[in-house]
PDB file of N, CA and C in Angstrom:
ATOM      1  N   MET A   1     -79.867 -36.201  10.955  1.00  0.00           N
ATOM      2  CA  MET A   1     -78.634 -36.929  10.736  1.00  0.00           C
ATOM      3  C   MET A   1     -77.945 -37.088  12.101  1.00  0.00           C
ATOM      4  N   THR A   2     -77.574 -38.283  12.439  1.00  0.00           N
ATOM      5  CA  THR A   2     -76.954 -38.519  13.736  1.00  0.00           C
ATOM      6  C   THR A   2     -75.507 -38.056  13.727  1.00  0.00           C
ATOM      7  N   ASN A   3     -74.980 -37.889  14.931  1.00  0.00           N
ATOM      8  CA  ASN A   3     -73.582 -37.444  15.052  1.00  0.00           C
ATOM      9  C   ASN A   3     -72.612 -38.456  14.446  1.00  0.00           C
ATOM     10  N   LEU A   4     -72.924 -39.732  14.580  1.00  0.00           N
ATOM     11  CA  LEU A   4     -72.050 -40.772  14.022  1.00  0.00           C
ATOM     12  C   LEU A   4     -72.034 -40.701  12.494  1.00  0.00           C
ATOM     13  N   ALA A   5     -73.191 -40.461  11.897  1.00  0.00           N
ATOM     14  CA  ALA A   5     -73.261 -40.346  10.439  1.00  0.00           C
ATOM     15  C   ALA A   5     -72.505 -39.110   9.955  1.00  0.00           C
ATOM     16  N   ARG A   6     -72.622 -37.994  10.686  1.00  0.00           N
ATOM     17  CA  ARG A   6     -71.875 -36.788  10.329  1.00  0.00           C
ATOM     18  C   ARG A   6     -70.377 -37.024  10.406  1.00  0.00           C
ATOM     19  N   LEU A   7     -69.940 -37.684  11.476  1.00  0.00           N
ATOM     20  CA  LEU A   7     -68.519 -37.981  11.642  1.00  0.00           C
ATOM     21  C   LEU A   7     -68.017 -38.869  10.512  1.00  0.00           C
ATOM     22  N   ALA A   8     -68.798 -39.865  10.135  1.00  0.00           N
ATOM     23  CA  ALA A   8     -68.396 -40.758   9.047  1.00  0.00           C
ATOM     24  C   ALA A   8     -68.290 -39.997   7.734  1.00  0.00           C
ATOM     25  N   LEU A   9     -69.220 -39.079   7.480  1.00  0.00           N
ATOM     26  CA  LEU A   9     -69.182 -38.294   6.250  1.00  0.00           C
ATOM     27  C   LEU A   9     -67.987 -37.361   6.225  1.00  0.00           C
ATOM     28  N   VAL A  10     -67.681 -36.714   7.349  1.00  0.00           N
ATOM     29  CA  VAL A  10     -66.517 -35.825   7.422  1.00  0.00           C
ATOM     30  C   VAL A  10     -65.236 -36.616   7.203  1.00  0.00           C
ATOM     31  N   LEU A  11     -65.119 -37.774   7.820  1.00  0.00           N
ATOM     32  CA  LEU A  11     -63.917 -38.597   7.623  1.00  0.00           C
ATOM     33  C   LEU A  11     -63.774 -39.045   6.181  1.00  0.00           C
ATOM     34  N   ALA A  12     -64.883 -39.397   5.544  1.00  0.00           N
ATOM     35  CA  ALA A  12     -64.828 -39.806   4.137  1.00  0.00           C
ATOM     36  C   ALA A  12     -64.386 -38.649   3.253  1.00  0.00           C
ATOM     37  N   LEU A  13     -64.862 -37.442   3.554  1.00  0.00           N
ATOM     38  CA  LEU A  13     -64.450 -36.272   2.778  1.00  0.00           C
ATOM     39  C   LEU A  13     -62.978 -35.961   2.973  1.00  0.00           C
ATOM     40  N   LEU A  14     -62.502 -36.079   4.195  1.00  0.00           N
ATOM     41  CA  LEU A  14     -61.100 -35.783   4.473  1.00  0.00           C
ATOM     42  C   LEU A  14     -60.170 -36.801   3.834  1.00  0.00           C
ATOM     43  N   MET A  15     -60.595 -38.049   3.738  1.00  0.00           N
ATOM     44  CA  MET A  15     -59.757 -39.064   3.115  1.00  0.00           C
ATOM     45  C   MET A  15     -59.597 -38.790   1.625  1.00  0.00           C
ATOM     46  N   GLY A  16     -60.601 -38.202   0.994  1.00  0.00           N
ATOM     47  CA  GLY A  16     -60.524 -37.892  -0.425  1.00  0.00           C
ATOM     48  C   GLY A  16     -59.783 -36.602  -0.710  1.00  0.00           C
ATOM     49  N   ALA A  17     -59.396 -35.848   0.328  1.00  0.00           N
ATOM     50  CA  ALA A  17     -58.738 -34.559   0.132  1.00  0.00           C
ATOM     51  C   ALA A  17     -57.223 -34.655   0.261  1.00  0.00           C
ATOM     52  N   GLY A  18     -56.657 -35.814   0.013  1.00  0.00           N
ATOM     53  CA  GLY A  18     -55.211 -35.989   0.122  1.00  0.00           C
ATOM     54  C   GLY A  18     -54.473 -35.370  -1.052  1.00  0.00           C
ATOM     55  N   PRO A  19     -53.162 -35.364  -0.997  1.00  0.00           N
ATOM     56  CA  PRO A  19     -52.386 -34.765  -2.073  1.00  0.00           C
ATOM     57  C   PRO A  19     -52.524 -35.535  -3.373  1.00  0.00           C
ATOM     58  N   ALA A  20     -52.548 -34.801  -4.487  1.00  0.00           N
ATOM     59  CA  ALA A  20     -52.709 -35.430  -5.793  1.00  0.00           C
ATOM     60  C   ALA A  20     -51.411 -36.071  -6.260  1.00  0.00           C
ATOM     61  N   ARG A  21     -50.287 -35.468  -5.937  1.00  0.00           N
ATOM     62  CA  ARG A  21     -48.997 -36.014  -6.331  1.00  0.00           C
ATOM     63  C   ARG A  21     -47.931 -35.456  -5.390  1.00  0.00           C
ATOM     64  N   ALA A  22     -46.839 -36.143  -5.333  1.00  0.00           N
ATOM     65  CA  ALA A  22     -45.765 -35.711  -4.438  1.00  0.00           C
ATOM     66  C   ALA A  22     -44.796 -34.820  -5.214  1.00  0.00           C
ATOM     67  N   GLU A  23     -44.884 -33.528  -5.006  1.00  0.00           N
ATOM     68  CA  GLU A  23     -43.969 -32.559  -5.601  1.00  0.00           C
ATOM     69  C   GLU A  23     -43.268 -31.847  -4.451  1.00  0.00           C
ATOM     70  N   SER A  24     -42.192 -31.176  -4.761  1.00  0.00           N
ATOM     71  CA  SER A  24     -41.515 -30.372  -3.757  1.00  0.00           C
ATOM     72  C   SER A  24     -41.044 -29.083  -4.421  1.00  0.00           C
ATOM     73  N   LEU A  25     -40.718 -28.111  -3.593  1.00  0.00           N
ATOM     74  CA  LEU A  25     -40.294 -26.806  -4.073  1.00  0.00           C
ATOM     75  C   LEU A  25     -38.986 -26.453  -3.388  1.00  0.00           C
ATOM     76  N   ARG A  26     -37.940 -26.248  -4.189  1.00  0.00           N
ATOM     77  CA  ARG A  26     -36.640 -25.874  -3.644  1.00  0.00           C
ATOM     78  C   ARG A  26     -36.553 -24.360  -3.570  1.00  0.00           C
ATOM     79  N   CYS A  27     -36.243 -23.859  -2.365  1.00  0.00           N
ATOM     80  CA  CYS A  27     -36.130 -22.419  -2.134  1.00  0.00           C
ATOM     81  C   CYS A  27     -34.910 -22.137  -1.269  1.00  0.00           C
ATOM     82  N   TYR A  28     -33.984 -21.375  -1.792  1.00  0.00           N
ATOM     83  CA  TYR A  28     -32.829 -20.919  -1.005  1.00  0.00           C
ATOM     84  C   TYR A  28     -32.129 -22.055  -0.282  1.00  0.00           C
ATOM     85  N   GLY A  29     -32.003 -23.216  -0.927  1.00  0.00           N
ATOM     86  CA  GLY A  29     -31.309 -24.346  -0.328  1.00  0.00           C
ATOM     87  C   GLY A  29     -32.172 -25.205   0.572  1.00  0.00           C
ATOM     88  N   ALA A  30     -33.414 -24.798   0.838  1.00  0.00           N
ATOM     89  CA  ALA A  30     -34.349 -25.598   1.638  1.00  0.00           C
ATOM     90  C   ALA A  30     -35.397 -26.190   0.702  1.00  0.00           C
ATOM     91  N   ILE A  31     -36.102 -27.217   1.168  1.00  0.00           N
ATOM     92  CA  ILE A  31     -37.122 -27.862   0.349  1.00  0.00           C
ATOM     93  C   ILE A  31     -38.458 -27.803   1.074  1.00  0.00           C
ATOM     94  N   ALA A  32     -39.461 -27.186   0.416  1.00  0.00           N
ATOM     95  CA  ALA A  32     -40.838 -27.198   0.919  1.00  0.00           C
ATOM     96  C   ALA A  32     -41.528 -28.390   0.269  1.00  0.00           C
ATOM     97  N   ASP A  33     -42.270 -29.150   1.050  1.00  0.00           N
ATOM     98  CA  ASP A  33     -42.833 -30.393   0.567  1.00  0.00           C
ATOM     99  C   ASP A  33     -44.290 -30.518   1.012  1.00  0.00           C
ATOM    100  N   VAL A  34     -44.996 -31.471   0.419  1.00  0.00           N
ATOM    101  CA  VAL A  34     -46.372 -31.760   0.812  1.00  0.00           C
ATOM    102  C   VAL A  34     -46.383 -32.151   2.287  1.00  0.00           C
ATOM    103  N   GLY A  35     -47.309 -31.567   3.042  1.00  0.00           N
ATOM    104  CA  GLY A  35     -47.400 -31.833   4.469  1.00  0.00           C
ATOM    105  C   GLY A  35     -46.801 -30.731   5.325  1.00  0.00           C
ATOM    106  N   ASP A  36     -46.038 -29.812   4.731  1.00  0.00           N
ATOM    107  CA  ASP A  36     -45.468 -28.687   5.482  1.00  0.00           C
ATOM    108  C   ASP A  36     -46.568 -27.683   5.832  1.00  0.00           C
ATOM    109  N   SER A  37     -46.377 -26.964   6.918  1.00  0.00           N
ATOM    110  CA  SER A  37     -47.331 -25.930   7.322  1.00  0.00           C
ATOM    111  C   SER A  37     -47.039 -24.632   6.574  1.00  0.00           C
ATOM    112  N   ARG A  38     -47.969 -23.667   6.666  1.00  0.00           N
ATOM    113  CA  ARG A  38     -47.750 -22.359   6.033  1.00  0.00           C
ATOM    114  C   ARG A  38     -46.526 -21.675   6.612  1.00  0.00           C
ATOM    115  N   VAL A  39     -46.347 -21.784   7.919  1.00  0.00           N
ATOM    116  CA  VAL A  39     -45.203 -21.150   8.576  1.00  0.00           C
ATOM    117  C   VAL A  39     -43.895 -21.764   8.064  1.00  0.00           C
ATOM    118  N   ALA A  40     -43.866 -23.075   7.891  1.00  0.00           N
ATOM    119  CA  ALA A  40     -42.661 -23.742   7.403  1.00  0.00           C
ATOM    120  C   ALA A  40     -42.327 -23.290   5.981  1.00  0.00           C
ATOM    121  N   VAL A  41     -43.337 -23.180   5.121  1.00  0.00           N
ATOM    122  CA  VAL A  41     -43.101 -22.743   3.743  1.00  0.00           C
ATOM    123  C   VAL A  41     -42.653 -21.283   3.733  1.00  0.00           C
ATOM    124  N   LEU A  42     -43.260 -20.457   4.547  1.00  0.00           N
ATOM    125  CA  LEU A  42     -42.866 -19.051   4.633  1.00  0.00           C
ATOM    126  C   LEU A  42     -41.432 -18.921   5.120  1.00  0.00           C
ATOM    127  N   TYR A  43     -41.029 -19.743   6.069  1.00  0.00           N
ATOM    128  CA  TYR A  43     -39.660 -19.721   6.585  1.00  0.00           C
ATOM    129  C   TYR A  43     -38.666 -20.193   5.528  1.00  0.00           C
ATOM    130  N   LYS A  44     -39.026 -21.260   4.791  1.00  0.00           N
ATOM    131  CA  LYS A  44     -38.106 -21.838   3.811  1.00  0.00           C
ATOM    132  C   LYS A  44     -38.023 -21.018   2.526  1.00  0.00           C
ATOM    133  N   CYS A  45     -39.157 -20.474   2.074  1.00  0.00           N
ATOM    134  CA  CYS A  45     -39.217 -19.845   0.746  1.00  0.00           C
ATOM    135  C   CYS A  45     -39.459 -18.344   0.780  1.00  0.00           C
ATOM    136  N   GLY A  46     -39.742 -17.780   1.927  1.00  0.00           N
ATOM    137  CA  GLY A  46     -40.039 -16.355   2.001  1.00  0.00           C
ATOM    138  C   GLY A  46     -41.465 -16.067   1.583  1.00  0.00           C
ATOM    139  N   PRO A  47     -41.815 -14.775   1.500  1.00  0.00           N
ATOM    140  CA  PRO A  47     -43.185 -14.423   1.121  1.00  0.00           C
ATOM    141  C   PRO A  47     -43.446 -14.719  -0.363  1.00  0.00           C
ATOM    142  N   PRO A  48     -44.648 -15.167  -0.691  1.00  0.00           N
ATOM    143  CA  PRO A  48     -44.961 -15.468  -2.090  1.00  0.00           C
ATOM    144  C   PRO A  48     -45.194 -14.197  -2.905  1.00  0.00           C
ATOM    145  N   LEU A  49     -45.149 -14.346  -4.217  1.00  0.00           N
ATOM    146  CA  LEU A  49     -45.443 -13.241  -5.123  1.00  0.00           C
ATOM    147  C   LEU A  49     -46.920 -12.871  -5.042  1.00  0.00           C
ATOM    148  N   LEU A  50     -47.796 -13.877  -5.020  1.00  0.00           N
ATOM    149  CA  LEU A  50     -49.244 -13.684  -4.923  1.00  0.00           C
ATOM    150  C   LEU A  50     -49.834 -14.678  -3.939  1.00  0.00           C
ATOM    151  N   ARG A  51     -50.943 -14.278  -3.286  1.00  0.00           N
ATOM    152  CA  ARG A  51     -51.705 -15.161  -2.400  1.00  0.00           C
ATOM    153  C   ARG A  51     -53.174 -15.069  -2.776  1.00  0.00           C
ATOM    154  N   ASP A  52     -53.870 -16.192  -2.691  1.00  0.00           N
ATOM    155  CA  ASP A  52     -55.307 -16.207  -2.939  1.00  0.00           C
ATOM    156  C   ASP A  52     -55.953 -17.163  -1.953  1.00  0.00           C
ATOM    157  N   SER A  53     -56.970 -16.680  -1.247  1.00  0.00           N
ATOM    158  CA  SER A  53     -57.725 -17.516  -0.320  1.00  0.00           C
ATOM    159  C   SER A  53     -59.156 -17.623  -0.832  1.00  0.00           C
ATOM    160  N   TYR A  54     -59.698 -18.816  -0.811  1.00  0.00           N
ATOM    161  CA  TYR A  54     -61.075 -19.013  -1.248  1.00  0.00           C
ATOM    162  C   TYR A  54     -61.656 -20.236  -0.565  1.00  0.00           C
ATOM    163  N   CYS A  55     -62.949 -20.380  -0.733  1.00  0.00           N
ATOM    164  CA  CYS A  55     -63.689 -21.460  -0.107  1.00  0.00           C
ATOM    165  C   CYS A  55     -64.070 -22.460  -1.204  1.00  0.00           C
ATOM    166  N   ALA A  56     -63.387 -23.593  -1.258  1.00  0.00           N
ATOM    167  CA  ALA A  56     -63.671 -24.605  -2.279  1.00  0.00           C
ATOM    168  C   ALA A  56     -64.916 -25.391  -1.867  1.00  0.00           C
ATOM    169  N   PRO A  57     -65.799 -25.706  -2.820  1.00  0.00           N
ATOM    170  CA  PRO A  57     -67.015 -26.455  -2.482  1.00  0.00           C
ATOM    171  C   PRO A  57     -66.696 -27.879  -2.057  1.00  0.00           C
ATOM    172  N   VAL A  58     -67.627 -28.470  -1.333  1.00  0.00           N
ATOM    173  CA  VAL A  58     -67.490 -29.845  -0.854  1.00  0.00           C
ATOM    174  C   VAL A  58     -68.201 -30.767  -1.842  1.00  0.00           C
ATOM    175  N   PHE A  59     -67.529 -31.852  -2.278  1.00  0.00           N
ATOM    176  CA  PHE A  59     -68.088 -32.791  -3.238  1.00  0.00           C
ATOM    177  C   PHE A  59     -68.333 -34.136  -2.570  1.00  0.00           C
ATOM    178  N   TYR A  60     -69.228 -34.926  -3.162  1.00  0.00           N
ATOM    179  CA  TYR A  60     -69.443 -36.286  -2.704  1.00  0.00           C
ATOM    180  C   TYR A  60     -68.147 -37.062  -2.864  1.00  0.00           C
ATOM    181  N   PRO A  61     -67.803 -37.946  -1.926  1.00  0.00           N
ATOM    182  CA  PRO A  61     -66.564 -38.716  -2.055  1.00  0.00           C
ATOM    183  C   PRO A  61     -66.573 -39.570  -3.322  1.00  0.00           C
ATOM    184  N   GLY A  62     -65.519 -39.444  -4.106  1.00  0.00           N
ATOM    185  CA  GLY A  62     -65.371 -40.239  -5.315  1.00  0.00           C
ATOM    186  C   GLY A  62     -66.272 -39.808  -6.460  1.00  0.00           C
ATOM    187  N   GLY A  63     -66.916 -38.659  -6.340  1.00  0.00           N
ATOM    188  CA  GLY A  63     -67.819 -38.209  -7.397  1.00  0.00           C
ATOM    189  C   GLY A  63     -67.522 -36.795  -7.837  1.00  0.00           C
ATOM    190  N   VAL A  64     -68.262 -36.356  -8.852  1.00  0.00           N
ATOM    191  CA  VAL A  64     -68.077 -35.011  -9.367  1.00  0.00           C
ATOM    192  C   VAL A  64     -69.233 -34.093  -8.984  1.00  0.00           C
ATOM    193  N   TYR A  65     -70.152 -34.593  -8.162  1.00  0.00           N
ATOM    194  CA  TYR A  65     -71.315 -33.806  -7.787  1.00  0.00           C
ATOM    195  C   TYR A  65     -71.079 -33.111  -6.457  1.00  0.00           C
ATOM    196  N   GLN A  66     -71.409 -31.828  -6.428  1.00  0.00           N
ATOM    197  CA  GLN A  66     -71.234 -31.023  -5.227  1.00  0.00           C
ATOM    198  C   GLN A  66     -72.351 -31.343  -4.232  1.00  0.00           C
ATOM    199  N   ILE A  67     -71.995 -31.410  -2.948  1.00  0.00           N
ATOM    200  CA  ILE A  67     -72.999 -31.619  -1.914  1.00  0.00           C
ATOM    201  C   ILE A  67     -73.828 -30.345  -1.810  1.00  0.00           C
ATOM    202  N   PRO A  68     -75.163 -30.436  -1.858  1.00  0.00           N
ATOM    203  CA  PRO A  68     -76.001 -29.234  -1.782  1.00  0.00           C
ATOM    204  C   PRO A  68     -75.747 -28.467  -0.484  1.00  0.00           C
ATOM    205  N   ASP A  69     -75.862 -27.141  -0.581  1.00  0.00           N
ATOM    206  CA  ASP A  69     -75.509 -26.271   0.536  1.00  0.00           C
ATOM    207  C   ASP A  69     -76.239 -26.578   1.846  1.00  0.00           C
ATOM    208  N   PRO A  70     -77.536 -26.838   1.872  1.00  0.00           N
ATOM    209  CA  PRO A  70     -78.152 -27.090   3.184  1.00  0.00           C
ATOM    210  C   PRO A  70     -77.506 -28.262   3.919  1.00  0.00           C
ATOM    211  N   TYR A  71     -77.106 -29.296   3.161  1.00  0.00           N
ATOM    212  CA  TYR A  71     -76.487 -30.461   3.790  1.00  0.00           C
ATOM    213  C   TYR A  71     -75.001 -30.227   4.069  1.00  0.00           C
ATOM    214  N   ALA A  72     -74.325 -29.584   3.136  1.00  0.00           N
ATOM    215  CA  ALA A  72     -72.888 -29.349   3.290  1.00  0.00           C
ATOM    216  C   ALA A  72     -72.610 -28.434   4.472  1.00  0.00           C
ATOM    217  N   SER A  73     -73.462 -27.439   4.695  1.00  0.00           N
ATOM    218  CA  SER A  73     -73.204 -26.500   5.786  1.00  0.00           C
ATOM    219  C   SER A  73     -73.404 -27.140   7.157  1.00  0.00           C
ATOM    220  N   LEU A  74     -74.070 -28.280   7.224  1.00  0.00           N
ATOM    221  CA  LEU A  74     -74.211 -28.983   8.499  1.00  0.00           C
ATOM    222  C   LEU A  74     -72.880 -29.580   8.944  1.00  0.00           C
ATOM    223  N   ILE A  75     -72.072 -30.029   7.994  1.00  0.00           N
ATOM    224  CA  ILE A  75     -70.794 -30.648   8.339  1.00  0.00           C
ATOM    225  C   ILE A  75     -69.647 -29.674   8.136  1.00  0.00           C
ATOM    226  N   ALA A  76     -69.485 -29.226   6.935  1.00  0.00           N
ATOM    227  CA  ALA A  76     -68.421 -28.276   6.606  1.00  0.00           C
ATOM    228  C   ALA A  76     -68.918 -27.460   5.427  1.00  0.00           C
ATOM    229  N   PRO A  77     -69.112 -26.169   5.591  1.00  0.00           N
ATOM    230  CA  PRO A  77     -69.664 -25.380   4.495  1.00  0.00           C
ATOM    231  C   PRO A  77     -68.749 -25.349   3.267  1.00  0.00           C
ATOM    232  N   CYS A  78     -67.456 -25.471   3.483  1.00  0.00           N
ATOM    233  CA  CYS A  78     -66.512 -25.464   2.375  1.00  0.00           C
ATOM    234  C   CYS A  78     -65.144 -25.899   2.895  1.00  0.00           C
ATOM    235  N   LEU A  79     -64.227 -26.076   1.970  1.00  0.00           N
ATOM    236  CA  LEU A  79     -62.851 -26.392   2.332  1.00  0.00           C
ATOM    237  C   LEU A  79     -62.020 -25.118   2.197  1.00  0.00           C
ATOM    238  N   ALA A  80     -61.525 -24.608   3.306  1.00  0.00           N
ATOM    239  CA  ALA A  80     -60.696 -23.398   3.266  1.00  0.00           C
ATOM    240  C   ALA A  80     -59.415 -23.714   2.499  1.00  0.00           C
ATOM    241  N   THR A  81     -59.221 -23.026   1.372  1.00  0.00           N
ATOM    242  CA  THR A  81     -58.101 -23.288   0.481  1.00  0.00           C
ATOM    243  C   THR A  81     -57.329 -22.000   0.249  1.00  0.00           C
ATOM    244  N   GLU A  82     -56.017 -22.119   0.194  1.00  0.00           N
ATOM    245  CA  GLU A  82     -55.165 -20.959  -0.038  1.00  0.00           C
ATOM    246  C   GLU A  82     -54.100 -21.350  -1.050  1.00  0.00           C
ATOM    247  N   ASP A  83     -53.907 -20.520  -2.071  1.00  0.00           N
ATOM    248  CA  ASP A  83     -52.867 -20.738  -3.083  1.00  0.00           C
ATOM    249  C   ASP A  83     -51.810 -19.658  -2.962  1.00  0.00           C
ATOM    250  N   TRP A  84     -50.550 -20.069  -2.948  1.00  0.00           N
ATOM    251  CA  TRP A  84     -49.419 -19.141  -2.954  1.00  0.00           C
ATOM    252  C   TRP A  84     -48.648 -19.365  -4.240  1.00  0.00           C
ATOM    253  N   VAL A  85     -48.305 -18.278  -4.937  1.00  0.00           N
ATOM    254  CA  VAL A  85     -47.559 -18.360  -6.187  1.00  0.00           C
ATOM    255  C   VAL A  85     -46.142 -17.839  -5.963  1.00  0.00           C
ATOM    256  N   TYR A  86     -45.167 -18.643  -6.361  1.00  0.00           N
ATOM    257  CA  TYR A  86     -43.760 -18.265  -6.259  1.00  0.00           C
ATOM    258  C   TYR A  86     -43.172 -18.146  -7.654  1.00  0.00           C
ATOM    259  N   ASP A  87     -42.540 -17.008  -7.945  1.00  0.00           N
ATOM    260  CA  ASP A  87     -41.803 -16.814  -9.195  1.00  0.00           C
ATOM    261  C   ASP A  87     -40.379 -17.285  -8.929  1.00  0.00           C
ATOM    262  N   ARG A  88     -39.960 -18.319  -9.640  1.00  0.00           N
ATOM    263  CA  ARG A  88     -38.659 -18.936  -9.365  1.00  0.00           C
ATOM    264  C   ARG A  88     -37.548 -18.392 -10.231  1.00  0.00           C
ATOM    265  N   GLY A  89     -37.787 -17.276 -10.916  1.00  0.00           N
ATOM    266  CA  GLY A  89     -36.732 -16.640 -11.696  1.00  0.00           C
ATOM    267  C   GLY A  89     -36.792 -16.990 -13.163  1.00  0.00           C
ATOM    268  N   PRO A  90     -35.920 -16.339 -13.949  1.00  0.00           N
ATOM    269  CA  PRO A  90     -35.922 -16.556 -15.396  1.00  0.00           C
ATOM    270  C   PRO A  90     -35.569 -18.005 -15.746  1.00  0.00           C
ATOM    271  N   GLY A  91     -36.285 -18.542 -16.719  1.00  0.00           N
ATOM    272  CA  GLY A  91     -36.018 -19.905 -17.169  1.00  0.00           C
ATOM    273  C   GLY A  91     -36.702 -20.977 -16.336  1.00  0.00           C
ATOM    274  N   ASN A  92     -37.430 -20.600 -15.293  1.00  0.00           N
ATOM    275  CA  ASN A  92     -38.129 -21.563 -14.438  1.00  0.00           C
ATOM    276  C   ASN A  92     -39.628 -21.280 -14.465  1.00  0.00           C
ATOM    277  N   LEU A  93     -40.422 -22.330 -14.357  1.00  0.00           N
ATOM    278  CA  LEU A  93     -41.862 -22.167 -14.284  1.00  0.00           C
ATOM    279  C   LEU A  93     -42.258 -21.630 -12.910  1.00  0.00           C
ATOM    280  N   VAL A  94     -43.370 -20.882 -12.852  1.00  0.00           N
ATOM    281  CA  VAL A  94     -43.871 -20.444 -11.553  1.00  0.00           C
ATOM    282  C   VAL A  94     -44.390 -21.664 -10.801  1.00  0.00           C
ATOM    283  N   ALA A  95     -44.339 -21.600  -9.487  1.00  0.00           N
ATOM    284  CA  ALA A  95     -44.812 -22.696  -8.647  1.00  0.00           C
ATOM    285  C   ALA A  95     -46.019 -22.215  -7.851  1.00  0.00           C
ATOM    286  N   THR A  96     -47.079 -23.009  -7.848  1.00  0.00           N
ATOM    287  CA  THR A  96     -48.270 -22.716  -7.052  1.00  0.00           C
ATOM    288  C   THR A  96     -48.349 -23.746  -5.941  1.00  0.00           C
ATOM    289  N   VAL A  97     -48.333 -23.249  -4.704  1.00  0.00           N
ATOM    290  CA  VAL A  97     -48.417 -24.111  -3.533  1.00  0.00           C
ATOM    291  C   VAL A  97     -49.839 -23.997  -3.004  1.00  0.00           C
ATOM    292  N   ARG A  98     -50.564 -25.120  -2.942  1.00  0.00           N
ATOM    293  CA  ARG A  98     -51.948 -25.131  -2.470  1.00  0.00           C
ATOM    294  C   ARG A  98     -52.005 -25.669  -1.041  1.00  0.00           C
ATOM    295  N   PHE A  99     -52.626 -24.878  -0.169  1.00  0.00           N
ATOM    296  CA  PHE A  99     -52.804 -25.247   1.234  1.00  0.00           C
ATOM    297  C   PHE A  99     -54.263 -25.588   1.491  1.00  0.00           C
ATOM    298  N   ARG A 100     -54.498 -26.633   2.241  1.00  0.00           N
ATOM    299  CA  ARG A 100     -55.821 -26.945   2.783  1.00  0.00           C
ATOM    300  C   ARG A 100     -55.628 -27.242   4.258  1.00  0.00           C
ATOM    301  N   PHE A 101     -56.451 -26.620   5.070  1.00  0.00           N
ATOM    302  CA  PHE A 101     -56.366 -26.747   6.526  1.00  0.00           C
ATOM    303  C   PHE A 101     -54.985 -26.340   7.028  1.00  0.00           C
ATOM    304  N   GLY A 102     -54.341 -25.370   6.353  1.00  0.00           N
ATOM    305  CA  GLY A 102     -53.054 -24.838   6.786  1.00  0.00           C
ATOM    306  C   GLY A 102     -51.854 -25.698   6.460  1.00  0.00           C
ATOM    307  N   VAL A 103     -52.047 -26.739   5.658  1.00  0.00           N
ATOM    308  CA  VAL A 103     -50.972 -27.672   5.322  1.00  0.00           C
ATOM    309  C   VAL A 103     -50.876 -27.769   3.799  1.00  0.00           C
ATOM    310  N   VAL A 104     -49.653 -27.915   3.278  1.00  0.00           N
ATOM    311  CA  VAL A 104     -49.464 -28.037   1.831  1.00  0.00           C
ATOM    312  C   VAL A 104     -50.141 -29.307   1.338  1.00  0.00           C
ATOM    313  N   GLN A 105     -51.085 -29.127   0.412  1.00  0.00           N
ATOM    314  CA  GLN A 105     -51.772 -30.264  -0.193  1.00  0.00           C
ATOM    315  C   GLN A 105     -51.075 -30.667  -1.487  1.00  0.00           C
ATOM    316  N   SER A 106     -50.668 -29.660  -2.291  1.00  0.00           N
ATOM    317  CA  SER A 106     -50.000 -29.966  -3.549  1.00  0.00           C
ATOM    318  C   SER A 106     -49.131 -28.798  -3.983  1.00  0.00           C
ATOM    319  N   ILE A 107     -48.176 -29.092  -4.849  1.00  0.00           N
ATOM    320  CA  ILE A 107     -47.310 -28.087  -5.460  1.00  0.00           C
ATOM    321  C   ILE A 107     -47.377 -28.334  -6.958  1.00  0.00           C
ATOM    322  N   HIS A 108     -47.725 -27.293  -7.695  1.00  0.00           N
ATOM    323  CA  HIS A 108     -47.927 -27.420  -9.143  1.00  0.00           C
ATOM    324  C   HIS A 108     -47.039 -26.395  -9.841  1.00  0.00           C
ATOM    325  N   TYR A 109     -46.421 -26.822 -10.950  1.00  0.00           N
ATOM    326  CA  TYR A 109     -45.574 -25.935 -11.729  1.00  0.00           C
ATOM    327  C   TYR A 109     -46.283 -25.545 -13.012  1.00  0.00           C
ATOM    328  N   GLY A 110     -46.206 -24.298 -13.403  1.00  0.00           N
ATOM    329  CA  GLY A 110     -46.847 -23.806 -14.607  1.00  0.00           C
ATOM    330  C   GLY A 110     -47.854 -22.727 -14.274  1.00  0.00           C
ATOM    331  N   ARG A 111     -48.609 -22.308 -15.270  1.00  0.00           N
ATOM    332  CA  ARG A 111     -49.522 -21.174 -15.120  1.00  0.00           C
ATOM    333  C   ARG A 111     -50.761 -21.472 -14.291  1.00  0.00           C
ATOM    334  N   SER A 112     -51.454 -22.567 -14.547  1.00  0.00           N
ATOM    335  CA  SER A 112     -52.733 -22.792 -13.867  1.00  0.00           C
ATOM    336  C   SER A 112     -52.721 -24.119 -13.129  1.00  0.00           C
ATOM    337  N   PRO A 113     -52.998 -24.092 -11.810  1.00  0.00           N
ATOM    338  CA  PRO A 113     -53.060 -25.349 -11.061  1.00  0.00           C
ATOM    339  C   PRO A 113     -54.327 -26.110 -11.401  1.00  0.00           C
ATOM    340  N   PRO A 114     -54.291 -27.426 -11.226  1.00  0.00           N
ATOM    341  CA  PRO A 114     -55.473 -28.249 -11.517  1.00  0.00           C
ATOM    342  C   PRO A 114     -56.590 -28.010 -10.531  1.00  0.00           C
TER     343      PRO A 114
END
């Protein structure tokens, strides 16, 4: 696989990894939003109740099929993903902030993120 083909595949994968929806999280009078860094969210909202880091598999752009490991590891073995859970107090749903590449990709309210 040539370097140009690898670059094109990486760019195609990154274009498909954008935020699913525009949500925001209000914390102590500040607003954490999609595109904020981990440091910015930590500064605005404080430490999360729970943190989880994992390696999400790489999928074909626009498809549901995972790229096989021998090929995926040539470009990117996985997408480094981190979820932070914030308990927003009584009467409010918990908020899950998902980071990819150190930047907020999405904010989801409720028990299980998509």
